[in-house]
Amino acid sequence: MSHSSNFIPFTAFPLDRASALRRDGEQMEALLHHPDSDLILIQDGKPVLSQDSRSHGARKLLRLACATRAAFLPKSSSEPVLMGLDEQGRATFATSLPARFDLDEGPLQGLGETEDLRMAAGIMHMPDLALAGTAKAILDWHSRHSYCANCGEATHMAEAGWKRACPSCKTEHFPRTDPVAIMLAVKGDQCLLGRGIGFRAGYISALAGFIEPGETIEEGCARELFEEAGVKMTRARIVANQPWPFPSQLMVGLIAEVESFDLTIDTHEISQAIWYSKDEARQLLSEGGCTRDGVTLRAPPPVAIAHHLIRIWVEEG
């Protein structure tokens, strides 16, 4: 049984990505100068939120008129990237502000402020959060791919920001998304959670690893479980997935049944692995956490898919 991912942060992207329009230069130019087109801002990987939304429940992205961007953006801002069109056909673009640009001065004074994207997950509407995550991921990709990996020449943005092109060797470069298997290993009424090396103090999570070339999601899941914890998977099911813009992964969440409780920990990757009962897993999801031998640990917060994997398993009975 699979579950909808639309309750997981960074999912539920709200726009039509309008990929068919990206190659139409005239249409893109018209949208960039259309009075109804919005522009959202990312600075140093953080979305700029509207100051006006501070006292009105969920925080909203600051939206400015894309057509007048030259009046309020520094020249060193990135070229706008098309995020998509809403149901009325209105376009939203995103651009990256220079790190040194001061939002508290000049024409944007008092309009917006940046917020850490992980923290924003608890205060923003899901559609705005998904939009901010997508903008952060694509703009981050542009910042790290200014030069052609084939010949080393400078590349330029193309297709409304969803491609970079090399004028020298004509190589086309496209944004990449790295698939990650994140899995809750289970046996009977027990689930396996671990702490990676350098993991945040006080928390424990599902095991995870990048899918390697030539692997299916399930094969990568099985390999990572055996490499990190020494457990053999018998079967797995994908239950949810989550775009994770840090910088650009797709977290594929699985519940994986394993053969035994015996563990062989890869101490280069994992500092601790613990089997928990369903009752203990419920405690991990709570604010108070689960205490063993005087040590209290908690599941990751709801921003992370691991939290939802544990919750899905617990709620299945």
Protein backbone atom coordinates (compact mmCIF):
# COMPACT_ATOMS: atom_id res chain seq x y z
CA MET A 1 0.00 0.00 0.00
CA SER A 2 1.41 3.37 -0.96
CA HIS A 3 0.63 6.67 0.68
CA SER A 4 0.26 10.16 -0.74
CA SER A 5 3.31 12.36 -0.28
CA ASN A 6 1.28 15.57 -0.40
CA PHE A 7 1.40 15.99 3.39
CA ILE A 8 5.21 15.98 3.36
CA PRO A 9 7.06 19.33 3.18
CA PHE A 10 8.46 20.39 -0.23
CA THR A 11 5.82 18.34 -2.07
CA ALA A 12 2.59 19.66 -3.69
CA PHE A 13 4.26 22.03 -6.17
CA PRO A 14 1.46 24.50 -7.02
CA LEU A 15 2.21 25.52 -10.62
CA ASP A 16 2.11 24.13 -14.13
CA ARG A 17 5.82 23.93 -14.97
CA ALA A 18 4.96 24.91 -18.58
CA SER A 19 7.93 23.04 -20.01
CA ALA A 20 6.54 23.40 -23.55
CA LEU A 21 6.96 27.18 -23.32
CA ARG A 22 10.57 27.20 -22.15
CA ARG A 23 12.05 27.10 -25.65
CA ASP A 24 9.81 29.88 -26.91
CA GLY A 25 12.02 32.93 -26.49
CA GLU A 26 9.36 35.41 -27.53
CA GLN A 27 6.82 33.96 -25.11
CA MET A 28 9.35 33.99 -22.27
CA GLU A 29 10.25 37.60 -22.99
CA ALA A 30 6.55 38.51 -22.97
CA LEU A 31 6.03 36.77 -19.63
CA LEU A 32 9.08 38.45 -18.10
CA HIS A 33 7.57 41.85 -18.94
CA HIS A 34 3.93 41.02 -18.29
CA PRO A 35 2.43 43.15 -15.47
CA ASP A 36 0.86 40.07 -13.83
CA SER A 37 4.08 38.03 -13.63
CA ASP A 38 5.49 37.55 -10.12
CA LEU A 39 9.09 37.31 -8.99
CA ILE A 40 10.19 35.47 -5.85
CA LEU A 41 13.62 35.87 -4.28
CA ILE A 42 16.21 33.50 -2.85
CA GLN A 43 19.28 34.77 -1.00
CA ASP A 44 22.07 32.48 0.16
CA GLY A 45 19.73 29.50 -0.22
CA LYS A 46 17.01 31.12 1.89
CA PRO A 47 13.61 32.28 0.64
CA VAL A 48 12.64 35.91 1.15
CA LEU A 49 9.35 36.01 3.05
CA SER A 50 6.90 38.89 3.09
CA GLN A 51 7.03 41.09 6.17
CA ASP A 52 3.29 41.64 5.77
CA SER A 53 2.60 37.97 6.53
CA ARG A 54 4.27 38.07 9.96
CA SER A 55 1.03 38.51 11.90
CA HIS A 56 -1.36 36.68 9.60
CA GLY A 57 -0.81 32.99 10.29
CA ALA A 58 1.34 31.11 7.79
CA ARG A 59 4.19 33.11 6.28
CA LYS A 60 4.13 33.86 2.56
CA LEU A 61 6.81 34.37 -0.04
CA LEU A 62 7.52 37.96 -0.95
CA ARG A 63 6.16 38.43 -4.47
CA LEU A 64 7.28 41.36 -6.56
CA ALA A 65 6.41 42.51 -10.08
CA CYS A 66 8.82 40.76 -12.40
CA ALA A 67 8.40 43.41 -15.09
CA THR A 68 9.86 46.15 -12.86
CA ARG A 69 12.72 44.06 -11.40
CA ALA A 70 15.39 46.40 -12.78
CA ALA A 71 14.15 49.09 -10.40
CA PHE A 72 14.75 47.10 -7.23
CA LEU A 73 17.24 44.31 -7.98
CA PRO A 74 21.02 44.73 -8.09
CA LYS A 75 22.59 44.04 -11.48
CA SER A 76 24.47 41.07 -10.03
CA SER A 77 21.24 39.16 -9.37
CA SER A 78 20.83 35.96 -11.35
CA GLU A 79 18.68 35.81 -14.46
CA PRO A 80 15.07 34.94 -13.58
CA VAL A 81 14.09 31.29 -13.89
CA LEU A 82 10.53 30.36 -14.83
CA MET A 83 8.86 28.44 -12.03
CA GLY A 84 5.59 27.96 -13.90
CA LEU A 85 2.07 29.23 -14.53
CA ASP A 86 -0.92 29.29 -12.20
CA GLU A 87 -4.46 28.30 -13.23
CA GLN A 88 -5.05 31.78 -14.66
CA GLY A 89 -1.88 31.62 -16.74
CA ARG A 90 0.07 34.06 -14.57
CA ALA A 91 3.79 33.35 -14.46
CA THR A 92 6.06 33.10 -11.43
CA PHE A 93 9.81 33.56 -11.83
CA ALA A 94 12.60 33.20 -9.27
CA THR A 95 15.94 34.92 -8.96
CA SER A 96 18.90 34.72 -6.61
CA LEU A 97 20.02 37.86 -4.77
CA PRO A 98 23.72 38.46 -4.10
CA ALA A 99 24.72 37.35 -0.60
CA ARG A 100 25.84 40.88 0.31
CA PHE A 101 22.63 42.55 -0.83
CA ASP A 102 20.97 44.19 2.18
CA LEU A 103 17.20 43.73 2.26
CA ASP A 104 16.96 46.39 4.97
CA GLU A 105 18.15 49.12 2.66
CA GLY A 106 17.06 50.54 -0.67
CA PRO A 107 13.78 49.87 -2.50
CA LEU A 108 13.11 46.55 -0.71
CA GLN A 109 13.44 48.02 2.77
CA GLY A 110 10.73 46.70 5.09
CA LEU A 111 9.23 44.37 2.50
CA GLY A 112 10.87 41.03 3.21
CA GLU A 113 13.30 38.97 5.24
CA THR A 114 15.11 35.69 4.65
CA GLU A 115 14.31 32.50 6.54
CA ASP A 116 16.19 29.22 6.75
CA LEU A 117 14.36 26.81 4.45
CA ARG A 118 14.20 23.98 7.00
CA MET A 119 12.78 26.33 9.61
CA ALA A 120 10.36 27.75 7.06
CA ALA A 121 8.73 24.34 6.74
CA GLY A 122 6.94 24.92 10.03
CA ILE A 123 5.62 28.39 9.20
CA MET A 124 4.79 28.40 5.48
CA HIS A 125 1.87 27.07 3.45
CA MET A 126 2.83 23.83 1.69
CA PRO A 127 2.50 25.22 -1.88
CA ASP A 128 4.73 28.22 -1.10
CA LEU A 129 7.25 25.93 0.60
CA ALA A 130 7.33 23.62 -2.43
CA LEU A 131 7.83 26.63 -4.68
CA ALA A 132 10.65 27.96 -2.49
CA GLY A 133 12.33 24.55 -2.39
CA THR A 134 12.22 24.22 -6.16
CA ALA A 135 13.58 27.74 -6.64
CA LYS A 136 16.38 27.11 -4.19
CA ALA A 137 17.37 23.86 -5.90
CA ILE A 138 17.42 25.21 -9.45
CA LEU A 139 19.17 28.46 -8.56
CA ASP A 140 21.76 26.56 -6.53
CA TRP A 141 22.39 24.33 -9.56
CA HIS A 142 23.02 27.39 -11.73
CA SER A 143 25.47 28.82 -9.20
CA ARG A 144 27.50 25.60 -9.23
CA HIS A 145 27.49 24.98 -12.99
CA SER A 146 28.81 28.17 -14.54
CA TYR A 147 31.36 26.25 -16.60
CA CYS A 148 31.03 23.40 -19.05
CA ALA A 149 32.02 20.03 -17.61
CA ASN A 150 33.01 18.93 -21.12
CA CYS A 151 35.36 21.73 -22.26
CA GLY A 152 35.61 24.19 -19.37
CA GLU A 153 34.13 27.20 -21.16
CA ALA A 154 31.60 29.48 -19.48
CA THR A 155 28.01 28.37 -20.02
CA HIS A 156 24.87 30.47 -20.23
CA MET A 157 21.29 29.99 -19.05
CA ALA A 158 18.80 28.69 -21.62
CA GLU A 159 15.20 27.49 -21.85
CA ALA A 160 13.90 29.84 -19.16
CA GLY A 161 16.53 28.64 -16.70
CA TRP A 162 16.04 24.87 -17.05
CA LYS A 163 19.17 24.32 -19.11
CA ARG A 164 22.70 25.67 -19.45
CA ALA A 165 24.34 25.69 -22.86
CA CYS A 166 27.99 25.79 -23.81
CA PRO A 167 28.65 28.18 -26.75
CA SER A 168 31.99 26.50 -27.44
CA CYS A 169 31.36 22.74 -27.66
CA LYS A 170 27.54 22.99 -27.81
CA THR A 171 27.07 20.64 -24.84
CA GLU A 172 23.73 21.02 -23.09
CA HIS A 173 23.61 20.74 -19.30
CA PHE A 174 20.41 20.01 -17.39
CA PRO A 175 19.58 20.23 -13.67
CA ARG A 176 20.23 17.00 -11.85
CA THR A 177 18.28 15.37 -9.07
CA ASP A 178 20.03 12.69 -7.03
CA PRO A 179 17.79 9.81 -5.88
CA VAL A 180 18.21 8.67 -2.28
CA ALA A 181 16.66 5.60 -0.72
CA ILE A 182 15.58 6.31 2.85
CA MET A 183 14.25 3.21 4.53
CA LEU A 184 12.61 2.11 7.71
CA ALA A 185 13.82 -1.45 8.27
CA VAL A 186 11.19 -3.50 10.12
CA LYS A 187 10.80 -6.98 11.53
CA GLY A 188 7.55 -7.85 13.22
CA ASP A 189 6.72 -5.15 15.75
CA GLN A 190 10.18 -3.58 15.66
CA CYS A 191 11.76 -0.89 13.48
CA LEU A 192 15.43 -0.05 13.08
CA LEU A 193 16.68 3.50 13.43
CA GLY A 194 20.19 4.85 13.46
CA ARG A 195 22.43 7.81 14.07
CA GLY A 196 24.85 8.78 11.35
CA ILE A 197 28.33 10.07 12.15
CA GLY A 198 27.92 13.72 13.11
CA PHE A 199 24.12 13.42 13.29
CA ARG A 200 22.26 16.10 15.22
CA ALA A 201 22.39 15.43 18.98
CA GLY A 202 19.23 14.03 20.54
CA TYR A 203 17.76 12.62 17.32
CA ILE A 204 17.65 9.26 15.58
CA SER A 205 16.43 8.57 12.07
CA ALA A 206 15.85 6.09 9.28
CA LEU A 207 18.87 4.79 7.39
CA ALA A 208 19.51 6.27 3.96
CA GLY A 209 21.89 6.27 1.03
CA PHE A 210 22.29 7.43 -2.57
CA ILE A 211 21.16 5.15 -5.36
CA GLU A 212 24.14 4.10 -7.44
CA PRO A 213 24.26 3.80 -11.25
CA GLY A 214 22.59 0.61 -12.46
CA GLU A 215 20.47 0.12 -9.33
CA THR A 216 16.75 0.11 -8.84
CA ILE A 217 15.39 1.92 -5.80
CA GLU A 218 14.79 -1.42 -4.07
CA GLU A 219 18.27 -2.71 -4.89
CA GLY A 220 19.83 0.44 -3.48
CA CYS A 221 17.69 0.08 -0.36
CA ALA A 222 18.86 -3.51 0.15
CA ARG A 223 22.51 -2.63 -0.42
CA GLU A 224 22.47 0.32 1.98
CA LEU A 225 20.77 -1.70 4.72
CA PHE A 226 23.36 -4.44 4.45
CA GLU A 227 26.31 -2.05 4.18
CA GLU A 228 25.28 0.18 7.06
CA ALA A 229 23.62 -2.26 9.47
CA GLY A 230 24.38 -5.77 8.23
CA VAL A 231 20.70 -6.69 7.82
CA LYS A 232 19.34 -8.53 4.77
CA MET A 233 16.19 -7.22 3.18
CA THR A 234 13.49 -9.67 2.12
CA ARG A 235 11.11 -7.19 0.49
CA ALA A 236 10.44 -3.46 0.38
CA ARG A 237 7.66 -1.12 -0.64
CA ILE A 238 7.85 2.53 -1.58
CA VAL A 239 5.41 4.49 0.59
CA ALA A 240 6.26 8.16 0.02
CA ASN A 241 8.80 10.47 -1.57
CA GLN A 242 10.05 14.00 -1.04
CA PRO A 243 12.04 16.54 -3.03
CA TRP A 244 14.86 17.63 -0.70
CA PRO A 245 16.53 20.85 -1.90
CA PHE A 246 19.79 20.48 0.09
CA PRO A 247 21.03 20.79 -2.58
CA SER A 248 18.80 18.64 -4.83
CA GLN A 249 17.81 15.12 -3.85
CA LEU A 250 14.67 13.05 -4.29
CA MET A 251 14.16 11.13 -1.06
CA VAL A 252 12.36 7.87 -1.85
CA GLY A 253 10.86 6.49 1.34
CA LEU A 254 10.55 2.74 1.79
CA ILE A 255 9.44 0.34 4.48
CA ALA A 256 11.76 -2.67 4.20
CA GLU A 257 11.28 -6.04 5.86
CA VAL A 258 14.48 -7.74 6.98
CA GLU A 259 15.50 -11.27 7.96
CA SER A 260 16.80 -10.85 11.50
CA PHE A 261 17.47 -8.47 14.37
CA ASP A 262 21.24 -9.12 14.27
CA LEU A 263 23.25 -6.00 13.43
CA THR A 264 26.73 -5.42 12.07
CA ILE A 265 27.26 -1.66 12.12
CA ASP A 266 29.51 0.17 9.67
CA THR A 267 31.18 2.48 12.17
CA HIS A 268 32.45 4.71 9.36
CA GLU A 269 28.83 5.62 8.57
CA ILE A 270 26.73 4.83 11.64
CA SER A 271 27.49 5.64 15.27
CA GLN A 272 24.47 3.85 16.70
CA ALA A 273 21.57 1.65 15.57
CA ILE A 274 18.62 0.69 17.77
CA TRP A 275 15.54 -1.50 17.37
CA TYR A 276 12.35 0.16 18.64
CA SER A 277 8.90 -1.27 19.25
CA LYS A 278 5.85 0.49 17.82
CA ASP A 279 5.01 1.91 21.23
CA GLU A 280 8.54 3.30 21.52
CA ALA A 281 8.33 4.65 17.96
CA ARG A 282 5.19 6.56 18.95
CA GLN A 283 7.18 8.08 21.79
CA LEU A 284 9.99 9.03 19.39
CA LEU A 285 7.45 11.01 17.35
CA SER A 286 6.24 12.86 20.43
CA GLU A 287 7.73 16.02 21.87
CA GLY A 288 9.05 14.13 24.88
CA GLY A 289 10.85 11.48 22.83
CA CYS A 290 11.78 7.97 23.94
CA THR A 291 14.12 7.43 26.89
CA ARG A 292 16.35 4.38 27.31
CA ASP A 293 19.06 4.00 29.91
CA GLY A 294 18.68 7.65 30.80
CA VAL A 295 19.18 8.85 27.21
CA THR A 296 16.30 10.54 25.38
CA LEU A 297 16.11 10.47 21.60
CA ARG A 298 13.50 11.82 19.19
CA ALA A 299 12.49 11.20 15.60
CA PRO A 300 13.39 13.90 13.08
CA PRO A 301 10.91 16.80 12.89
CA PRO A 302 8.05 16.73 10.35
CA VAL A 303 10.12 18.61 7.76
CA ALA A 304 11.94 15.31 7.09
CA ILE A 305 10.45 12.30 5.32
CA ALA A 306 11.93 10.02 8.01
CA HIS A 307 9.38 11.42 10.47
CA HIS A 308 6.55 10.45 8.12
CA LEU A 309 7.96 6.98 7.41
CA ILE A 310 7.89 6.23 11.12
CA ARG A 311 4.42 7.69 11.49
CA ILE A 312 3.05 5.71 8.54
CA TRP A 313 4.42 2.47 9.99
CA VAL A 314 3.09 3.21 13.46
CA GLU A 315 -0.38 4.06 12.13
CA GLU A 316 -0.61 0.85 10.12
CA GLY A 317 -1.42 -1.03 13.33
